[in-house]
Amino acid sequence: MYYFIGIKGTGMASLAAMLYDLGYEVCGSDLEKHFFTEDELVKRGIKIYPFNENNIRKEYTVIIGNAFLEDFPEVVQARKLCKCYRYHEFLGELMKKYKTISICGSHGKTTTTTIAKTVFSKFKKTGYLIGDGEGFLEKDSEYLCAESCEFRRHFLAYHPEYAIITNIEIDHVDYFKDEQDYFDAYQEFVHNVSKAVFYYGDDEWCKKLKIDCEAYSFGLSHDNDYYIDNLVEDSRSSSFDLMYRGKKLYRYNIPFVGDYLIIDILGVLSLSAYMGFDHEKTEEALHEYVGPKRRYVVEEYDNTIFVDDYAHHPTEVKVTLEASRKRFPDRKIIAIFKPHRASRVLYFAKQFKEALEEADEVFLLDFTSIDDKQDGTDIDISYLANMIPGSHILPENEEGAKILSKYKGECLVFMSSKDIYNLAENVKELI
């Protein structure tokens, strides 16, 4: 029996689902409130208990979520009684059994991993671990597409055959000392890759990587190994020539728009071309692609636009608001942002201010996560609110929902890596 401490965590839920699909008994613990990541666990009938050290039994193998420190009561009990792994340690061991593609980078990991598993599944028996709670694996899977996070250098536990690096922009500033320290983690990671690395060649930090195995750049610039040419876009679709070192490989027509999404797709197309996958079948796969949960999910409800996005870094916030402005030019853009980690807000305060000011109105929610202030950074949301003239601190309750419901007919953009979607559901009910 595998027992997960923090089973509703993004990667934890995915891993629990994978082990269940492999035929193992799985259970775990977490907070009792609903998180979007638990949906796949519920579908499989995986039991989820409230946190309690008495849950731990000596016959369990325990996988500990990375948000939980060694003094957490369940962790203390598990260390006494059981064989234990941290999430990244266990995943690193599991990866050794499959041909693994690690997808890493500061932004776009989840989307790119979802694209990769969609394409690879068209050609090979493919498992996947995605950071939205989605995971699937069978014993006869040949490939494993795994979202691989740089948090506290955890991806150094992974030794994949292939890697896609979407970008390198400093994050997790509670741990990394500076941009160089952050880059050094990626430099160390690429030494773990045995066959080929595909990196975003328009990113200045990515270009500095020294790679031992085969290396290929991709991007919009024509000096990359893989790039696109003759791009034509409308509001719903894009077509372009996939190029490799000046040679046209195929003209793709896909139902997606936006530079960032096109770049994520290009990273996967580069790898699939390298693998020799048929381009026509690859294009078919892209038409079957369903985006990951909480990555720019749009719903229209009673003439009001609701956007739900996982954005928690200023670059992601800016891109999300710009996309909303472009897609819904006739609506006011109302930003509702709940941060994760006080250290991130403190470090990026100026960038968050500039990004959020892309909106017509800004509402800010305070920290509530178990790990928001673990590093001792003691600020609340007023620190950011005071930097943004006209912004509002919003209570995360029925009162807050009532305030937002007054913006019926506009575009409400909910952004957070935490559970902001519950507030959005309350607003829908009121509207």
Protein backbone atom coordinates (compact mmCIF):
# COMPACT_ATOMS: atom_id res chain seq x y z
CA MET A 1 0.00 0.00 0.00
CA TYR A 2 1.32 3.43 -1.00
CA TYR A 3 0.31 6.28 1.31
CA PHE A 4 0.66 9.87 0.08
CA ILE A 5 1.09 12.73 2.56
CA GLY A 6 -0.51 15.63 0.69
CA ILE A 7 -2.16 13.47 -1.96
CA LYS A 8 -4.03 16.41 -3.52
CA GLY A 9 -0.81 18.17 -4.51
CA THR A 10 -0.46 18.70 -8.25
CA GLY A 11 2.28 16.16 -8.91
CA MET A 12 1.29 13.95 -5.96
CA ALA A 13 -2.23 13.38 -7.29
CA SER A 14 -0.80 12.52 -10.72
CA LEU A 15 1.69 10.04 -9.23
CA ALA A 16 -0.97 8.44 -7.05
CA ALA A 17 -3.17 7.92 -10.12
CA MET A 18 -0.24 6.36 -12.00
CA LEU A 19 0.51 3.86 -9.21
CA TYR A 20 -3.17 2.95 -9.00
CA ASP A 21 -3.23 2.35 -12.77
CA LEU A 22 -0.19 0.07 -12.37
CA GLY A 23 -2.26 -2.08 -10.01
CA TYR A 24 -1.04 -0.92 -6.59
CA GLU A 25 -3.19 -0.08 -3.59
CA VAL A 26 -3.09 3.67 -2.96
CA CYS A 27 -4.48 6.04 -0.33
CA GLY A 28 -3.41 9.32 1.24
CA SER A 29 -4.22 12.38 3.30
CA ASP A 30 -4.84 16.05 2.75
CA LEU A 31 -7.04 18.98 3.71
CA GLU A 32 -10.75 18.23 3.53
CA LYS A 33 -11.70 21.11 1.23
CA HIS A 34 -11.99 20.41 -2.48
CA PHE A 35 -9.02 20.90 -4.81
CA PHE A 36 -9.29 20.45 -8.57
CA THR A 37 -6.42 17.95 -8.47
CA GLU A 38 -8.46 15.38 -6.53
CA ASP A 39 -10.92 14.70 -9.37
CA GLU A 40 -8.82 11.89 -10.87
CA LEU A 41 -8.35 10.35 -7.42
CA VAL A 42 -12.09 10.33 -6.81
CA LYS A 43 -12.72 8.73 -10.22
CA ARG A 44 -10.43 5.88 -9.24
CA GLY A 45 -11.95 5.46 -5.78
CA ILE A 46 -8.67 6.30 -4.03
CA LYS A 47 -9.34 6.99 -0.34
CA ILE A 48 -8.38 10.42 1.00
CA TYR A 49 -8.20 10.92 4.78
CA PRO A 50 -7.89 14.10 6.85
CA PHE A 51 -4.36 14.65 8.16
CA ASN A 52 -3.74 12.54 11.26
CA GLU A 53 -0.52 10.84 12.35
CA ASN A 54 -2.58 7.83 13.40
CA ASN A 55 -3.30 7.19 9.69
CA ILE A 56 0.26 5.91 9.28
CA ARG A 57 0.77 2.14 9.42
CA LYS A 58 4.11 0.33 9.43
CA GLU A 59 3.21 -1.73 6.35
CA TYR A 60 2.82 1.40 4.20
CA THR A 61 5.35 2.80 1.78
CA VAL A 62 4.98 6.54 2.30
CA ILE A 63 5.47 9.24 -0.33
CA ILE A 64 5.86 12.69 1.21
CA GLY A 65 4.69 15.80 -0.59
CA ASN A 66 7.39 18.44 -0.95
CA ALA A 67 5.27 21.10 0.79
CA PHE A 68 5.52 19.17 4.09
CA LEU A 69 8.52 19.71 6.33
CA GLU A 70 10.13 17.05 8.50
CA ASP A 71 8.34 18.30 11.64
CA PHE A 72 4.85 17.76 10.15
CA PRO A 73 3.18 15.15 12.44
CA GLU A 74 2.42 12.62 9.70
CA VAL A 75 5.98 12.93 8.36
CA VAL A 76 7.44 12.38 11.84
CA GLN A 77 5.32 9.26 12.30
CA ALA A 78 6.12 7.92 8.82
CA ARG A 79 9.87 8.34 9.34
CA LYS A 80 9.58 6.25 12.54
CA LEU A 81 7.51 3.41 11.06
CA CYS A 82 7.77 3.20 7.29
CA LYS A 83 9.92 3.18 4.23
CA CYS A 84 9.65 6.77 2.98
CA TYR A 85 10.38 8.71 -0.19
CA ARG A 86 10.06 12.34 -1.05
CA TYR A 87 7.91 12.85 -4.16
CA HIS A 88 10.84 13.62 -6.46
CA GLU A 89 12.92 10.71 -5.10
CA PHE A 90 10.18 8.19 -5.89
CA LEU A 91 9.47 9.68 -9.30
CA GLY A 92 13.17 9.53 -10.16
CA GLU A 93 13.20 5.79 -9.44
CA LEU A 94 10.01 5.20 -11.41
CA MET A 95 11.38 7.03 -14.46
CA LYS A 96 14.21 4.50 -14.78
CA LYS A 97 11.71 1.86 -15.97
CA TYR A 98 10.61 3.85 -19.05
CA LYS A 99 11.97 5.98 -21.88
CA THR A 100 11.35 9.31 -20.23
CA ILE A 101 10.83 12.77 -21.71
CA SER A 102 11.28 15.42 -19.01
CA ILE A 103 9.56 18.73 -19.70
CA CYS A 104 10.96 21.54 -17.60
CA GLY A 105 11.18 25.33 -17.59
CA SER A 106 9.93 28.28 -15.59
CA HIS A 107 6.70 28.60 -17.60
CA GLY A 108 4.71 26.31 -19.88
CA LYS A 109 5.70 22.95 -18.33
CA THR A 110 2.16 21.68 -17.81
CA THR A 111 0.89 22.76 -21.23
CA THR A 112 3.94 21.36 -23.03
CA THR A 113 3.72 18.05 -21.15
CA THR A 114 0.06 17.75 -22.11
CA ILE A 115 0.93 18.42 -25.76
CA ALA A 116 3.78 15.89 -25.61
CA LYS A 117 1.65 13.08 -24.19
CA THR A 118 -1.05 13.81 -26.78
CA VAL A 119 1.43 13.51 -29.65
CA PHE A 120 3.45 10.58 -28.31
CA SER A 121 0.29 8.60 -27.52
CA LYS A 122 -0.51 8.70 -31.24
CA PHE A 123 2.63 6.66 -31.98
CA LYS A 124 3.78 4.84 -28.83
CA LYS A 125 2.35 3.36 -25.62
CA THR A 126 2.85 6.43 -23.46
CA GLY A 127 2.29 7.23 -19.80
CA TYR A 128 2.29 10.73 -18.40
CA LEU A 129 2.57 12.81 -15.26
CA ILE A 130 1.13 16.30 -15.59
CA GLY A 131 1.05 19.01 -12.94
CA ASP A 132 -2.73 19.40 -13.00
CA GLY A 133 -3.45 16.14 -11.18
CA GLU A 134 -3.51 14.08 -14.39
CA GLY A 135 -1.44 10.91 -14.42
CA PHE A 136 -1.58 7.61 -16.27
CA LEU A 137 0.81 4.69 -16.61
CA GLU A 138 0.69 1.02 -17.56
CA LYS A 139 3.34 -1.66 -17.09
CA ASP A 140 3.77 -2.01 -20.85
CA SER A 141 4.11 1.72 -21.45
CA GLU A 142 7.22 2.44 -23.49
CA TYR A 143 7.48 6.20 -22.97
CA LEU A 144 6.76 8.45 -20.02
CA CYS A 145 6.15 12.20 -20.50
CA ALA A 146 6.86 13.79 -17.12
CA GLU A 147 6.51 17.38 -15.98
CA SER A 148 9.78 18.00 -14.15
CA CYS A 149 10.00 20.90 -11.72
CA GLU A 150 13.16 22.75 -10.73
CA PHE A 151 11.74 23.53 -7.23
CA ARG A 152 14.61 23.12 -4.74
CA ARG A 153 16.57 21.35 -7.52
CA HIS A 154 14.25 18.33 -7.27
CA PHE A 155 14.52 17.60 -10.99
CA LEU A 156 18.13 16.57 -10.40
CA ALA A 157 16.68 13.25 -9.18
CA TYR A 158 15.59 12.56 -12.77
CA HIS A 159 17.76 11.00 -15.51
CA PRO A 160 15.62 11.13 -18.66
CA GLU A 161 16.53 10.12 -22.20
CA TYR A 162 15.08 13.36 -23.60
CA ALA A 163 14.28 16.82 -22.25
CA ILE A 164 12.37 19.85 -23.49
CA ILE A 165 13.30 23.13 -21.79
CA THR A 166 10.67 25.81 -22.38
CA ASN A 167 12.54 28.80 -20.83
CA ILE A 168 14.69 29.78 -17.86
CA GLU A 169 13.44 32.73 -15.77
CA ILE A 170 14.16 32.86 -12.06
CA ASP A 171 11.45 31.62 -9.71
CA HIS A 172 11.29 29.95 -6.26
CA VAL A 173 13.22 32.85 -4.83
CA ASP A 174 12.79 31.49 -1.30
CA TYR A 175 15.43 28.92 -2.30
CA PHE A 176 17.50 30.10 -5.28
CA LYS A 177 20.02 32.83 -4.41
CA ASP A 178 19.94 34.67 -7.74
CA GLU A 179 19.58 34.17 -11.51
CA GLN A 180 22.95 32.44 -11.78
CA ASP A 181 22.07 29.96 -9.04
CA TYR A 182 18.77 29.25 -10.80
CA PHE A 183 20.53 28.73 -14.15
CA ASP A 184 23.12 26.47 -12.51
CA ALA A 185 20.34 24.07 -11.52
CA TYR A 186 19.32 23.71 -15.17
CA GLN A 187 22.95 23.35 -16.21
CA GLU A 188 23.32 20.48 -13.76
CA PHE A 189 20.04 18.94 -14.93
CA VAL A 190 20.99 18.79 -18.62
CA HIS A 191 24.02 16.67 -17.68
CA ASN A 192 21.48 14.03 -16.52
CA VAL A 193 19.91 13.76 -20.00
CA SER A 194 21.30 10.82 -21.97
CA LYS A 195 20.09 11.28 -25.57
CA ALA A 196 18.87 14.76 -26.61
CA VAL A 197 17.89 18.14 -25.20
CA PHE A 198 15.48 20.48 -27.02
CA TYR A 199 15.67 24.03 -25.68
CA TYR A 200 13.98 27.35 -26.42
CA GLY A 201 16.68 29.09 -28.43
CA ASP A 202 15.19 32.60 -28.15
CA ASP A 203 15.82 32.54 -24.40
CA GLU A 204 19.17 34.07 -23.43
CA TRP A 205 19.70 31.76 -20.45
CA CYS A 206 18.79 28.63 -22.43
CA LYS A 207 21.40 29.54 -25.03
CA LYS A 208 24.10 29.48 -22.34
CA LEU A 209 23.52 25.81 -21.45
CA LYS A 210 26.47 23.49 -22.09
CA ILE A 211 24.91 20.21 -23.20
CA ASP A 212 26.82 16.92 -23.39
CA CYS A 213 24.32 14.92 -25.49
CA GLU A 214 22.64 15.94 -28.74
CA ALA A 215 21.17 19.45 -28.50
CA TYR A 216 18.61 21.23 -30.68
CA SER A 217 17.18 24.73 -30.34
CA PHE A 218 13.64 25.73 -31.26
CA GLY A 219 11.96 29.11 -31.43
CA LEU A 220 10.56 31.86 -33.61
CA SER A 221 13.95 33.15 -34.70
CA HIS A 222 15.28 31.59 -37.92
CA ASP A 223 18.70 30.94 -36.41
CA ASN A 224 17.23 28.09 -34.35
CA ASP A 225 17.52 24.47 -35.49
CA TYR A 226 13.74 24.13 -35.54
CA TYR A 227 11.62 27.20 -36.27
CA ILE A 228 8.42 28.23 -37.98
CA ASP A 229 8.02 30.22 -41.17
CA ASN A 230 5.10 31.77 -43.06
CA LEU A 231 2.92 32.00 -39.97
CA VAL A 232 -0.73 32.89 -40.65
CA GLU A 233 -3.10 33.44 -37.71
CA ASP A 234 -6.72 34.35 -37.22
CA SER A 235 -8.69 34.51 -33.97
CA ARG A 236 -9.03 30.71 -33.72
CA SER A 237 -6.29 28.97 -35.70
CA SER A 238 -2.71 29.12 -36.95
CA SER A 239 -0.86 27.67 -39.91
CA PHE A 240 2.90 27.62 -40.42
CA ASP A 241 5.78 25.79 -42.02
CA LEU A 242 7.84 23.70 -39.62
CA MET A 243 11.46 24.27 -40.63
CA TYR A 244 14.66 22.41 -39.76
CA ARG A 245 17.88 24.27 -40.55
CA GLY A 246 16.39 25.93 -43.60
CA LYS A 247 14.47 22.90 -44.86
CA LYS A 248 10.66 22.80 -44.80
CA LEU A 249 9.43 19.64 -43.09
CA TYR A 250 5.64 20.15 -43.16
CA ARG A 251 2.94 22.82 -43.15
CA TYR A 252 0.88 22.57 -39.97
CA ASN A 253 -2.69 23.83 -39.59
CA ILE A 254 -3.73 23.81 -35.93
CA PRO A 255 -6.69 25.22 -33.95
CA PHE A 256 -4.57 27.38 -31.61
CA VAL A 257 -3.29 30.96 -31.51
CA GLY A 258 -0.80 32.91 -29.44
CA ASP A 259 3.00 33.01 -29.44
CA TYR A 260 3.48 31.28 -26.11
CA LEU A 261 1.27 28.33 -27.02
CA ILE A 262 2.85 28.08 -30.48
CA ILE A 263 6.31 27.96 -28.86
CA ASP A 264 5.21 25.18 -26.50
CA ILE A 265 3.84 23.25 -29.47
CA LEU A 266 7.06 23.88 -31.41
CA GLY A 267 9.12 22.29 -28.64
CA VAL A 268 7.11 19.09 -29.00
CA LEU A 269 7.14 19.24 -32.81
CA SER A 270 10.93 19.47 -32.69
CA LEU A 271 11.18 16.30 -30.63
CA SER A 272 8.54 14.47 -32.68
CA ALA A 273 10.36 15.38 -35.93
CA TYR A 274 13.63 14.15 -34.42
CA MET A 275 11.87 10.88 -33.50
CA GLY A 276 10.72 10.47 -37.10
CA PHE A 277 7.01 10.69 -36.32
CA ASP A 278 4.72 11.16 -39.31
CA HIS A 279 3.78 14.84 -39.57
CA GLU A 280 0.24 14.23 -40.76
CA LYS A 281 -0.51 12.00 -37.76
CA THR A 282 1.19 14.53 -35.49
CA GLU A 283 -1.12 17.23 -36.85
CA GLU A 284 -4.11 14.93 -36.20
CA ALA A 285 -2.95 14.56 -32.59
CA LEU A 286 -2.77 18.34 -32.14
CA HIS A 287 -6.38 18.61 -33.31
CA GLU A 288 -7.29 16.13 -30.56
CA TYR A 289 -5.40 18.07 -27.89
CA VAL A 290 -7.38 19.07 -24.82
CA GLY A 291 -5.67 21.69 -22.67
CA PRO A 292 -4.71 20.94 -19.06
CA LYS A 293 -6.87 21.98 -16.16
CA ARG A 294 -6.53 25.58 -15.00
CA ARG A 295 -4.42 26.69 -17.95
CA TYR A 296 -6.40 29.53 -19.53
CA VAL A 297 -9.76 27.80 -19.27
CA VAL A 298 -12.53 30.05 -20.61
CA GLU A 299 -16.21 29.74 -19.76
CA GLU A 300 -19.04 32.10 -20.68
CA TYR A 301 -21.74 32.18 -18.03
CA ASP A 302 -24.81 34.41 -18.45
CA ASN A 303 -22.91 36.78 -20.79
CA THR A 304 -19.98 37.00 -18.36
CA ILE A 305 -16.55 35.64 -19.31
CA PHE A 306 -14.72 33.60 -16.66
CA VAL A 307 -11.04 32.84 -17.24
CA ASP A 308 -9.31 30.40 -14.88
CA ASP A 309 -5.51 30.26 -15.04
CA TYR A 310 -2.69 28.87 -12.89
CA ALA A 311 -0.62 32.07 -13.29
CA HIS A 312 1.46 32.72 -10.17
CA HIS A 313 4.60 34.38 -11.60
CA PRO A 314 4.47 37.95 -12.97
CA THR A 315 5.38 36.85 -16.50
CA GLU A 316 2.46 34.40 -16.46
CA VAL A 317 0.09 37.04 -15.05
CA LYS A 318 1.08 39.51 -17.77
CA VAL A 319 0.65 36.95 -20.59
CA THR A 320 -2.74 35.85 -19.23
CA LEU A 321 -4.09 39.41 -19.02
CA GLU A 322 -2.71 40.33 -22.46
CA ALA A 323 -4.34 37.23 -23.96
CA SER A 324 -7.65 38.17 -22.34
CA ARG A 325 -7.44 41.72 -23.69
CA LYS A 326 -6.72 40.39 -27.17
CA ARG A 327 -9.45 37.76 -27.06
CA PHE A 328 -12.15 39.90 -25.43
CA PRO A 329 -11.44 43.48 -26.59
CA ASP A 330 -14.99 44.67 -25.94
CA ARG A 331 -15.00 43.69 -22.25
CA LYS A 332 -13.47 45.22 -19.14
CA ILE A 333 -10.69 42.97 -17.87
CA ILE A 334 -11.06 42.31 -14.14
CA ALA A 335 -7.99 40.68 -12.57
CA ILE A 336 -8.46 38.55 -9.44
CA PHE A 337 -5.09 37.33 -8.16
CA LYS A 338 -4.21 35.10 -5.21
CA PRO A 339 -0.45 34.74 -4.71
CA HIS A 340 1.53 31.71 -3.60
CA ARG A 341 4.57 32.24 -1.37
CA ALA A 342 5.20 35.56 0.31
CA SER A 343 8.84 35.45 -0.81
CA ARG A 344 7.75 35.42 -4.48
CA VAL A 345 5.56 38.52 -3.98
CA LEU A 346 8.32 40.34 -2.10
CA TYR A 347 10.96 39.55 -4.74
CA PHE A 348 8.78 40.28 -7.79
CA ALA A 349 6.60 43.04 -6.31
CA LYS A 350 7.46 45.61 -9.03
CA GLN A 351 6.90 43.05 -11.80
CA PHE A 352 3.60 41.92 -10.27
CA LYS A 353 2.48 45.57 -10.09
CA GLU A 354 3.29 46.16 -13.76
CA ALA A 355 1.67 42.91 -14.86
CA LEU A 356 -1.56 43.41 -12.92
CA GLU A 357 -1.91 46.97 -14.18
CA GLU A 358 -2.68 45.45 -17.60
CA ALA A 359 -6.20 44.94 -16.19
CA ASP A 360 -8.96 47.55 -15.82
CA GLU A 361 -9.62 46.56 -12.19
CA VAL A 362 -7.40 44.61 -9.79
CA PHE A 363 -8.60 42.50 -6.86
CA LEU A 364 -6.08 40.79 -4.57
CA LEU A 365 -6.60 37.86 -2.19
CA ASP A 366 -4.36 37.15 0.79
CA PHE A 367 -2.07 34.16 1.33
CA THR A 368 -3.68 30.97 2.68
CA SER A 369 -1.39 28.08 1.66
CA ILE A 370 0.49 25.89 4.11
CA ASP A 371 3.83 26.90 2.58
CA ASP A 372 3.22 30.60 1.86
CA LYS A 373 5.44 31.86 4.68
CA GLN A 374 7.63 28.87 5.45
CA ASP A 375 10.78 30.87 4.72
CA GLY A 376 9.84 33.51 7.29
CA THR A 377 8.83 36.27 4.85
CA ASP A 378 6.22 38.11 6.88
CA ILE A 379 4.11 40.28 4.57
CA ASP A 380 0.44 40.16 3.75
CA ILE A 381 -1.38 41.11 0.56
CA SER A 382 -1.53 44.78 1.54
CA TYR A 383 2.19 44.99 0.62
CA LEU A 384 1.28 44.49 -3.04
CA ALA A 385 -2.04 46.34 -2.87
CA ASN A 386 -0.30 49.49 -1.63
CA MET A 387 1.84 49.48 -4.79
CA ILE A 388 -1.14 49.34 -7.18
CA PRO A 389 -3.30 52.48 -7.09
CA GLY A 390 -7.01 51.67 -7.13
CA SER A 391 -6.54 47.98 -6.37
CA HIS A 392 -8.80 46.24 -3.86
CA ILE A 393 -8.15 43.57 -1.23
CA LEU A 394 -10.95 41.03 -1.61
CA PRO A 395 -12.19 38.68 1.10
CA GLU A 396 -12.30 35.08 -0.12
CA ASN A 397 -15.89 34.47 0.96
CA GLU A 398 -19.49 35.25 0.02
CA GLU A 399 -18.89 38.97 0.53
CA GLY A 400 -16.05 38.85 -1.99
CA ALA A 401 -18.20 36.92 -4.45
CA LYS A 402 -20.94 39.56 -4.17
CA ILE A 403 -18.45 42.32 -5.01
CA LEU A 404 -17.25 40.46 -8.13
CA SER A 405 -20.81 39.63 -9.23
CA LYS A 406 -21.33 43.35 -9.87
CA TYR A 407 -19.04 42.95 -12.90
CA LYS A 408 -21.60 40.85 -14.75
CA GLY A 409 -21.03 41.10 -18.50
CA GLU A 410 -17.28 41.71 -18.19
CA CYS A 411 -14.25 39.38 -18.30
CA LEU A 412 -13.24 38.07 -14.86
CA VAL A 413 -9.70 36.62 -14.89
CA PHE A 414 -8.97 34.41 -11.88
CA MET A 415 -5.23 33.74 -11.45
CA SER A 416 -3.51 31.59 -8.86
CA SER A 417 -1.72 28.29 -8.35
CA LYS A 418 -3.93 27.82 -5.29
CA ASP A 419 -7.69 27.25 -4.86
CA ILE A 420 -9.07 30.51 -6.25
CA TYR A 421 -11.52 28.59 -8.48
CA ASN A 422 -13.85 28.05 -5.50
CA LEU A 423 -14.45 31.82 -5.38
CA ALA A 424 -15.18 31.81 -9.11
CA GLU A 425 -17.84 29.15 -8.61
CA ASN A 426 -19.49 31.31 -5.94
CA VAL A 427 -19.56 34.27 -8.31
CA LYS A 428 -21.24 32.14 -11.00
CA GLU A 429 -23.93 31.10 -8.53
CA LEU A 430 -24.67 34.73 -7.65
CA ILE A 431 -24.75 35.83 -11.29
